[in-house]
Amino acid sequence: MTIADIKVTTVAVPLEAPLRHSAGAHWGRFVRTIVEIIGNDGMSGWGELGGGGEGAEAAILSLLPYLKGHDPLNLEQLRWKIMNPTATLYNNRLQLHAAIEMACLDLAGKRLGVPAHSLLGGAIRDKVEFASYLFYRYENDLTGLGGETSAQELVAHATALRDKHGFRVHKLKGGHFSPKHDVDVFVALAEAFPEDRVRLDPNGVWSVEDAIRIGRKIAHLNNDYFEDPTWGLEGMRRVREGQPIPTATNMVVINFEQLAQCLRHDLVDVILLDTTFWGGLRQAVKAGHVLETFQRSAAVHSSGELGIQLASMLHLGAVLPNLNFAADSHYHHLTDDILVGGKLPYVNGCIDVPTGPGLGVDVSREKLAEYAEYFRKTGGYTYDRDPARPSWYSIWPEQNFADPAVKTMPEAK
């Protein structure tokens, strides 16, 4: 079997409410580029990456000359065709390759009748645990949800998610409000669920000094780790040395050069692996094996995925022996998905690893068309802008933090 064609579709899928983060906001929807690799037998494999529009679609389609006639099982050759490290310096194809490789694993698995994890060494677990990824949210009049900014509101939101999905780990996305506000909310969450584990992630916007001070202040809580409290490998090294909570990152160790420096100099404790940021599912697995060799834990990172990438995350989690933490996912914030049968369910805080061939999920062409039309109507959005603060932009580390009293954003109305 060889690759005969590529199709690409940008979709936007609504969120329950807009999500606030340190650099701006997700404006009430996730925009994703869906890649369909078509074999010469007419069978399709599916991949996904973040963002979309004409530029992303053109970038994917420009790779067809590299791919036409390629055997989707020749995955190492595929990596060198698209992601040659000297060429990637100039063309930054990491996430393009990730979506194409994802689709090739899906297509090859379907052709062979085996799940994708069988092509990655085989599963050692049949489910992956997830954290209740908690955001401060703007209100959404259409759903009646959102508006959480206070400790009481975040605890109520976390309680509802715990009751609905069974989460036993709670991650707060901080950095949007002042450090003091984040600490107050985080302590309230930890005290509300004393048997559960907690994580605080301000996405790198605090100074080293603030991060050390806060790490010491929250060290008595049942922390998994302290995720990206400041920016840069040197900043993370100083935070690791200055406070007792293990550190984690998905921002400053996202390739093998950075991983080598991290391991040589003990810069960060836990690395969150992303099946797109690292350039593909196989690259994330490889990084996980390197971490295992050095007796380091891996975790699975979320980048605003729909069901295709979520399936890739489940296959990654299935094969990692050193997956010692619950995975992240934005998935419970989505109102729908493009999969046949709708969203994958959580059971006791976990999602089952798909057992069908390839990625083990089926794309609904009707849903694909529906949310492609929704993208055409709503368009994209700028991740690092906050519509409720039109003149603001993030200046690290002395950014002007948002006012908790503001609960709505103009675009969401």
Protein backbone atom coordinates (compact mmCIF):
# COMPACT_ATOMS: atom_id res chain seq x y z
CA MET A 1 0.00 0.00 0.00
CA THR A 2 1.21 3.50 -0.81
CA ILE A 3 -0.03 7.05 -0.29
CA ALA A 4 -2.13 8.30 -3.21
CA ASP A 5 -3.48 11.64 -1.98
CA ILE A 6 -3.93 14.06 0.93
CA LYS A 7 -7.00 16.01 1.93
CA VAL A 8 -7.02 18.71 4.59
CA THR A 9 -9.91 20.41 6.40
CA THR A 10 -9.93 23.20 8.99
CA VAL A 11 -12.62 22.85 11.64
CA ALA A 12 -13.72 24.82 14.68
CA VAL A 13 -15.49 23.01 17.51
CA PRO A 14 -17.22 25.03 20.28
CA LEU A 15 -16.12 25.02 23.90
CA GLU A 16 -18.51 25.11 26.83
CA ALA A 17 -17.02 28.52 27.65
CA PRO A 18 -13.95 30.57 26.64
CA LEU A 19 -10.79 29.53 28.49
CA ARG A 20 -8.43 32.10 30.01
CA HIS A 21 -4.67 31.55 30.18
CA SER A 22 -1.50 33.51 30.82
CA ALA A 23 -1.01 34.70 27.22
CA GLY A 24 -4.66 35.48 26.41
CA ALA A 25 -7.66 33.23 25.84
CA HIS A 26 -9.22 30.46 23.80
CA TRP A 27 -12.13 32.39 22.33
CA GLY A 28 -14.86 29.82 22.81
CA ARG A 29 -13.72 27.25 20.24
CA PHE A 30 -10.76 25.13 19.26
CA VAL A 31 -9.52 25.46 15.68
CA ARG A 32 -7.85 22.35 14.30
CA THR A 33 -6.48 21.15 10.97
CA ILE A 34 -7.67 17.64 10.09
CA VAL A 35 -5.42 15.68 7.73
CA GLU A 36 -6.68 12.71 5.70
CA ILE A 37 -4.06 10.47 4.08
CA ILE A 38 -5.62 8.32 1.35
CA GLY A 39 -4.00 5.05 0.34
CA ASN A 40 -3.95 3.67 -3.17
CA ASP A 41 -6.58 1.16 -2.06
CA GLY A 42 -8.96 3.99 -1.09
CA MET A 43 -8.53 3.49 2.66
CA SER A 44 -8.04 6.64 4.80
CA GLY A 45 -5.90 7.48 7.82
CA TRP A 46 -6.51 10.57 9.94
CA GLY A 47 -4.24 13.07 11.69
CA GLU A 48 -4.67 16.39 13.46
CA LEU A 49 -2.74 19.51 14.43
CA GLY A 50 -3.56 22.82 16.04
CA GLY A 51 -4.60 25.98 14.22
CA GLY A 52 -5.88 26.10 10.68
CA GLY A 53 -6.98 28.15 7.72
CA GLU A 54 -5.57 28.55 4.24
CA GLY A 55 -1.95 28.78 5.39
CA ALA A 56 -2.01 25.54 7.38
CA GLU A 57 -3.93 23.73 4.66
CA ALA A 58 -1.49 24.90 1.97
CA ALA A 59 1.49 23.84 4.09
CA ILE A 60 0.13 20.30 4.41
CA LEU A 61 -0.81 20.03 0.74
CA SER A 62 2.64 21.26 -0.28
CA LEU A 63 4.07 18.02 1.13
CA LEU A 64 2.14 15.78 -1.28
CA PRO A 65 5.15 15.52 -3.67
CA TYR A 66 7.18 14.13 -0.74
CA LEU A 67 4.46 11.62 0.12
CA LYS A 68 2.84 10.38 -3.07
CA GLY A 69 3.84 6.76 -3.54
CA HIS A 70 5.33 6.52 -0.03
CA ASP A 71 4.65 3.39 2.04
CA PRO A 72 2.97 4.65 5.25
CA LEU A 73 4.83 1.96 7.22
CA ASN A 74 8.19 3.49 6.27
CA LEU A 75 7.89 5.91 9.16
CA GLU A 76 11.60 6.59 9.70
CA GLN A 77 12.03 7.44 6.04
CA LEU A 78 8.97 9.69 6.35
CA ARG A 79 10.65 11.54 9.24
CA TRP A 80 13.76 12.24 7.18
CA LYS A 81 11.78 13.29 4.13
CA ILE A 82 9.76 15.88 6.06
CA MET A 83 11.65 16.61 9.27
CA ASN A 84 15.32 16.48 8.27
CA PRO A 85 16.88 18.45 11.15
CA THR A 86 18.95 20.74 8.93
CA ALA A 87 15.96 21.52 6.72
CA THR A 88 13.58 21.87 9.67
CA LEU A 89 15.70 24.79 10.89
CA TYR A 90 14.26 26.75 7.99
CA ASN A 91 10.83 25.23 7.36
CA ASN A 92 9.63 24.28 10.89
CA ARG A 93 7.71 21.20 9.77
CA LEU A 94 7.50 19.51 13.18
CA GLN A 95 3.74 19.72 13.63
CA LEU A 96 3.05 19.09 9.94
CA HIS A 97 5.00 15.87 10.21
CA ALA A 98 3.20 15.01 13.44
CA ALA A 99 -0.23 15.11 11.79
CA ILE A 100 0.96 13.19 8.72
CA GLU A 101 2.72 10.54 10.81
CA MET A 102 -0.44 10.22 12.94
CA ALA A 103 -2.46 9.60 9.78
CA CYS A 104 0.12 7.10 8.48
CA LEU A 105 0.00 5.12 11.72
CA ASP A 106 -3.78 5.14 11.48
CA LEU A 107 -3.71 4.03 7.83
CA ALA A 108 -1.05 1.35 8.35
CA GLY A 109 -2.82 -0.01 11.43
CA LYS A 110 -6.09 -0.26 9.54
CA ARG A 111 -4.39 -2.00 6.64
CA LEU A 112 -2.72 -4.53 8.97
CA GLY A 113 -5.71 -4.86 11.30
CA VAL A 114 -3.76 -3.83 14.43
CA PRO A 115 -4.03 -0.85 16.81
CA ALA A 116 -1.44 1.92 16.49
CA HIS A 117 0.16 1.00 19.81
CA SER A 118 1.12 -2.37 18.31
CA LEU A 119 3.31 -0.46 15.85
CA LEU A 120 4.95 1.34 18.80
CA GLY A 121 5.92 -1.68 20.88
CA GLY A 122 2.56 -2.75 22.28
CA ALA A 123 0.33 -1.53 25.09
CA ILE A 124 1.16 -2.12 28.75
CA ARG A 125 -2.08 -0.53 30.02
CA ASP A 126 -5.61 -0.47 28.68
CA LYS A 127 -6.68 2.93 30.02
CA VAL A 128 -5.10 6.31 30.72
CA GLU A 129 -5.99 8.50 33.68
CA PHE A 130 -6.63 12.23 33.15
CA ALA A 131 -6.62 15.34 35.32
CA SER A 132 -9.50 17.78 35.56
CA TYR A 133 -7.87 20.57 33.61
CA LEU A 134 -9.30 23.68 35.32
CA PHE A 135 -9.33 27.10 33.70
CA TYR A 136 -10.68 30.45 34.73
CA ARG A 137 -13.46 30.84 32.17
CA TYR A 138 -15.40 33.71 30.66
CA GLU A 139 -19.18 33.42 30.73
CA ASN A 140 -20.92 31.90 27.73
CA ASP A 141 -24.52 33.04 27.32
CA LEU A 142 -25.22 30.27 24.80
CA THR A 143 -24.40 27.43 27.20
CA GLY A 144 -24.99 29.19 30.51
CA LEU A 145 -21.56 27.99 31.64
CA GLY A 146 -18.33 29.69 32.61
CA GLY A 147 -17.61 32.82 34.61
CA GLU A 148 -15.40 31.08 37.21
CA THR A 149 -12.79 33.39 38.74
CA SER A 150 -13.03 33.00 42.54
CA ALA A 151 -11.85 30.15 44.72
CA GLN A 152 -15.44 29.23 45.55
CA GLU A 153 -16.39 29.13 41.86
CA LEU A 154 -13.38 27.03 40.85
CA VAL A 155 -14.01 24.55 43.66
CA ALA A 156 -17.64 24.23 42.53
CA HIS A 157 -16.51 23.71 38.92
CA ALA A 158 -13.95 21.09 39.96
CA THR A 159 -16.56 19.33 42.09
CA ALA A 160 -18.97 19.13 39.15
CA LEU A 161 -16.24 17.71 36.90
CA ARG A 162 -15.19 15.23 39.57
CA ASP A 163 -18.78 14.07 40.02
CA LYS A 164 -19.33 13.77 36.27
CA HIS A 165 -16.04 12.25 35.13
CA GLY A 166 -14.43 10.80 38.26
CA PHE A 167 -11.24 12.90 38.21
CA ARG A 168 -8.85 12.35 41.11
CA VAL A 169 -6.19 14.83 39.96
CA HIS A 170 -6.84 18.56 39.51
CA LYS A 171 -4.71 20.97 37.49
CA LEU A 172 -5.22 24.73 37.71
CA LYS A 173 -4.18 26.83 34.72
CA GLY A 174 -2.83 29.92 36.43
CA GLY A 175 -0.99 33.01 35.22
CA HIS A 176 -4.05 34.96 34.08
CA PHE A 177 -4.60 36.65 37.44
CA SER A 178 -2.07 37.73 40.05
CA PRO A 179 0.08 35.08 41.75
CA LYS A 180 -1.71 35.75 45.05
CA HIS A 181 -5.08 35.02 43.43
CA ASP A 182 -3.76 31.78 41.90
CA VAL A 183 -2.37 30.66 45.26
CA ASP A 184 -5.66 31.37 47.05
CA VAL A 185 -7.61 29.38 44.46
CA PHE A 186 -5.08 26.54 44.37
CA VAL A 187 -5.02 26.13 48.15
CA ALA A 188 -8.83 26.09 48.20
CA LEU A 189 -8.86 23.34 45.55
CA ALA A 190 -6.31 21.24 47.42
CA GLU A 191 -8.20 21.61 50.68
CA ALA A 192 -11.53 20.76 49.02
CA PHE A 193 -10.13 17.43 47.77
CA PRO A 194 -7.61 16.34 50.42
CA GLU A 195 -7.30 12.80 49.02
CA ASP A 196 -6.72 13.99 45.44
CA ARG A 197 -3.54 15.27 43.82
CA VAL A 198 -3.10 18.80 42.51
CA ARG A 199 -0.94 20.76 40.04
CA LEU A 200 -0.44 24.46 39.40
CA ASP A 201 0.62 25.69 35.93
CA PRO A 202 1.06 29.46 35.32
CA ASN A 203 2.57 28.86 31.86
CA GLY A 204 5.93 30.42 32.61
CA VAL A 205 4.86 34.01 33.38
CA TRP A 206 6.22 34.34 36.93
CA SER A 207 9.69 35.55 37.80
CA VAL A 208 12.07 33.01 39.29
CA GLU A 209 11.82 34.77 42.64
CA ASP A 210 8.02 34.69 42.68
CA ALA A 211 8.01 31.04 41.59
CA ILE A 212 10.38 30.03 44.39
CA ARG A 213 8.35 31.95 46.96
CA ILE A 214 5.08 30.38 45.77
CA GLY A 215 6.58 26.90 45.55
CA ARG A 216 7.61 27.10 49.18
CA LYS A 217 4.18 28.42 50.15
CA ILE A 218 2.24 25.54 48.52
CA ALA A 219 4.77 22.78 49.23
CA HIS A 220 2.62 21.29 52.01
CA LEU A 221 -0.16 20.40 49.56
CA ASN A 222 -0.54 17.08 47.74
CA ASN A 223 1.34 18.30 44.66
CA ASP A 224 2.12 16.12 41.67
CA TYR A 225 4.56 18.72 40.35
CA PHE A 226 5.03 22.46 39.76
CA GLU A 227 4.53 22.99 36.03
CA ASP A 228 6.33 25.76 34.12
CA PRO A 229 6.28 28.29 36.99
CA THR A 230 8.86 30.41 35.13
CA TRP A 231 10.43 30.60 31.68
CA GLY A 232 13.61 29.05 30.31
CA LEU A 233 15.88 26.18 31.22
CA GLU A 234 18.01 28.33 33.52
CA GLY A 235 14.92 29.75 35.20
CA MET A 236 13.51 26.27 35.72
CA ARG A 237 16.86 25.12 37.15
CA ARG A 238 16.82 27.91 39.72
CA VAL A 239 13.21 27.16 40.70
CA ARG A 240 14.00 23.45 41.05
CA GLU A 241 16.91 24.27 43.36
CA GLY A 242 15.01 26.91 45.35
CA GLN A 243 11.84 25.10 46.42
CA PRO A 244 10.91 21.46 47.22
CA ILE A 245 8.15 20.57 44.71
CA PRO A 246 9.27 18.51 41.67
CA THR A 247 9.14 20.62 38.54
CA ALA A 248 7.60 19.80 35.15
CA THR A 249 7.55 21.38 31.71
CA ASN A 250 5.93 21.22 28.32
CA MET A 251 7.32 24.63 27.30
CA VAL A 252 11.11 24.55 27.58
CA VAL A 253 11.90 20.88 26.83
CA ILE A 254 10.15 20.11 23.56
CA ASN A 255 12.94 18.58 21.47
CA PHE A 256 15.85 16.20 21.90
CA GLU A 257 18.54 18.90 22.13
CA GLN A 258 16.71 20.47 25.06
CA LEU A 259 16.07 17.03 26.56
CA ALA A 260 19.80 16.24 26.48
CA GLN A 261 20.65 19.46 28.30
CA CYS A 262 17.85 18.87 30.80
CA LEU A 263 19.14 15.42 31.67
CA ARG A 264 22.83 16.35 31.75
CA HIS A 265 22.28 19.27 34.11
CA ASP A 266 19.21 18.16 36.15
CA LEU A 267 17.13 21.12 35.01
CA VAL A 268 13.53 19.78 35.22
CA ASP A 269 12.10 16.68 36.89
CA VAL A 270 9.11 15.64 34.73
CA ILE A 271 8.71 16.12 30.96
CA LEU A 272 5.24 16.42 29.45
CA LEU A 273 5.22 14.81 26.00
CA ASP A 274 2.95 16.12 23.25
CA THR A 275 2.18 14.06 20.15
CA THR A 276 2.30 17.19 17.96
CA PHE A 277 4.81 19.54 19.65
CA TRP A 278 7.52 16.87 19.60
CA GLY A 279 6.98 16.24 15.90
CA GLY A 280 4.92 13.09 16.14
CA LEU A 281 3.77 10.15 18.17
CA ARG A 282 6.95 8.15 17.53
CA GLN A 283 9.11 11.06 18.63
CA ALA A 284 7.17 11.34 21.89
CA VAL A 285 7.59 7.59 22.48
CA LYS A 286 11.31 7.89 21.78
CA ALA A 287 11.61 10.76 24.26
CA GLY A 288 9.73 8.66 26.82
CA HIS A 289 12.25 5.85 26.40
CA VAL A 290 15.15 8.26 26.89
CA LEU A 291 13.52 9.52 30.08
CA GLU A 292 13.02 5.94 31.28
CA THR A 293 16.73 5.24 30.79
CA PHE A 294 17.52 8.12 33.14
CA GLN A 295 14.86 7.05 35.67
CA ARG A 296 12.70 10.09 34.89
CA SER A 297 8.93 10.19 34.68
CA ALA A 298 6.99 11.19 31.59
CA ALA A 299 3.52 12.66 31.35
CA VAL A 300 1.15 13.29 28.45
CA HIS A 301 0.52 16.90 27.43
CA SER A 302 -2.64 18.40 25.95
CA SER A 303 -2.66 21.02 23.18
CA GLY A 304 -6.39 21.57 22.66
CA GLU A 305 -7.08 18.34 20.84
CA LEU A 306 -10.11 16.80 19.22
CA GLY A 307 -10.68 13.05 19.18
CA ILE A 308 -8.04 12.15 16.59
CA GLN A 309 -5.16 13.63 18.56
CA LEU A 310 -6.72 12.42 21.80
CA ALA A 311 -6.53 8.89 20.39
CA SER A 312 -2.83 9.42 19.65
CA MET A 313 -2.35 10.56 23.25
CA LEU A 314 -4.06 7.39 24.48
CA HIS A 315 -1.76 5.22 22.37
CA LEU A 316 1.23 7.16 23.71
CA GLY A 317 0.04 6.65 27.27
CA ALA A 318 -0.56 2.98 26.58
CA VAL A 319 3.08 2.25 25.71
CA LEU A 320 5.01 4.43 28.19
CA PRO A 321 6.32 2.39 31.14
CA ASN A 322 7.26 5.56 33.03
CA LEU A 323 3.86 7.28 32.75
CA ASN A 324 3.57 7.99 36.48
CA PHE A 325 1.11 10.88 36.34
CA ALA A 326 -2.40 11.45 35.04
CA ALA A 327 -2.46 12.93 31.55
CA ASP A 328 -3.67 16.42 30.69
CA SER A 329 -6.58 17.04 28.33
CA HIS A 330 -8.77 19.97 27.37
CA TYR A 331 -11.23 17.41 26.01
CA HIS A 332 -13.93 17.81 28.68
CA HIS A 333 -14.25 21.50 27.74
CA LEU A 334 -15.50 20.64 24.24
CA THR A 335 -19.22 20.52 23.50
CA ASP A 336 -18.78 17.95 20.70
CA ASP A 337 -16.26 16.11 18.56
CA ILE A 338 -15.85 15.05 14.93
CA LEU A 339 -15.86 11.34 15.79
CA VAL A 340 -18.56 8.86 14.91
CA GLY A 341 -20.55 8.42 18.13
CA GLY A 342 -19.41 11.73 19.59
CA LYS A 343 -16.90 12.30 22.36
CA LEU A 344 -14.93 9.50 23.99
CA PRO A 345 -16.22 8.92 27.55
CA TYR A 346 -14.36 9.26 30.83
CA VAL A 347 -14.90 6.45 33.34
CA ASN A 348 -13.50 7.00 36.85
CA GLY A 349 -11.26 9.73 35.49
CA CYS A 350 -9.86 7.49 32.75
CA ILE A 351 -10.40 6.96 29.01
CA ASP A 352 -9.97 3.50 27.53
CA VAL A 353 -7.17 3.01 25.02
CA PRO A 354 -8.82 2.30 21.63
CA THR A 355 -8.55 -1.34 20.59
CA GLY A 356 -9.66 -1.01 16.96
CA PRO A 357 -7.20 -0.92 14.05
CA GLY A 358 -5.07 2.18 13.58
CA LEU A 359 -5.91 4.96 16.01
CA GLY A 360 -9.14 3.10 16.74
CA VAL A 361 -11.49 6.04 16.16
CA ASP A 362 -13.69 6.85 13.16
CA VAL A 363 -14.21 10.35 11.78
CA SER A 364 -17.77 11.37 10.98
CA ARG A 365 -17.77 13.09 7.60
CA GLU A 366 -21.03 14.79 8.52
CA LYS A 367 -19.46 16.28 11.67
CA LEU A 368 -16.34 17.18 9.70
CA ALA A 369 -18.45 19.15 7.23
CA GLU A 370 -20.53 20.73 10.01
CA TYR A 371 -17.53 22.07 11.89
CA ALA A 372 -15.71 23.08 8.71
CA GLU A 373 -18.72 25.29 8.02
CA TYR A 374 -18.62 26.56 11.60
CA PHE A 375 -14.98 27.56 11.04
CA ARG A 376 -15.92 29.39 7.85
CA LYS A 377 -18.56 31.33 9.82
CA THR A 378 -16.53 32.09 12.94
CA GLY A 379 -12.95 32.13 11.62
CA GLY A 380 -9.84 31.70 13.66
CA TYR A 381 -8.71 33.66 16.67
CA THR A 382 -5.43 34.94 18.04
CA TYR A 383 -4.29 32.74 20.92
CA ASP A 384 -2.17 35.43 22.55
CA ARG A 385 -4.85 38.12 22.65
CA ASP A 386 -7.58 38.65 25.23
CA PRO A 387 -10.72 40.27 23.78
CA ALA A 388 -11.73 41.58 27.21
CA ARG A 389 -8.39 43.46 27.36
CA PRO A 390 -7.94 44.81 23.81
CA SER A 391 -4.91 47.00 24.58
CA TRP A 392 -3.11 44.37 26.71
CA TYR A 393 -0.34 42.02 25.72
CA SER A 394 1.78 39.76 27.87
CA ILE A 395 5.16 41.14 28.96
CA TRP A 396 7.09 38.54 30.92
CA PRO A 397 7.51 38.52 33.85
CA GLU A 398 5.91 41.84 34.88
CA GLN A 399 2.66 41.46 33.00
CA ASN A 400 -0.49 43.35 33.97
CA PHE A 401 -2.64 40.57 35.38
CA ALA A 402 -6.38 40.48 34.68
CA ASP A 403 -9.10 41.73 37.02
CA PRO A 404 -11.13 38.82 38.52
CA ALA A 405 -14.23 41.01 38.50
CA VAL A 406 -14.38 40.88 34.67
CA LYS A 407 -16.32 37.76 33.74
CA THR A 408 -17.36 38.36 30.12
CA MET A 409 -15.53 38.91 26.84
CA PRO A 410 -17.07 40.77 23.89
CA GLU A 411 -16.49 38.05 21.26
CA ALA A 412 -18.32 35.42 23.33
CA LYS A 413 -21.63 37.29 23.23
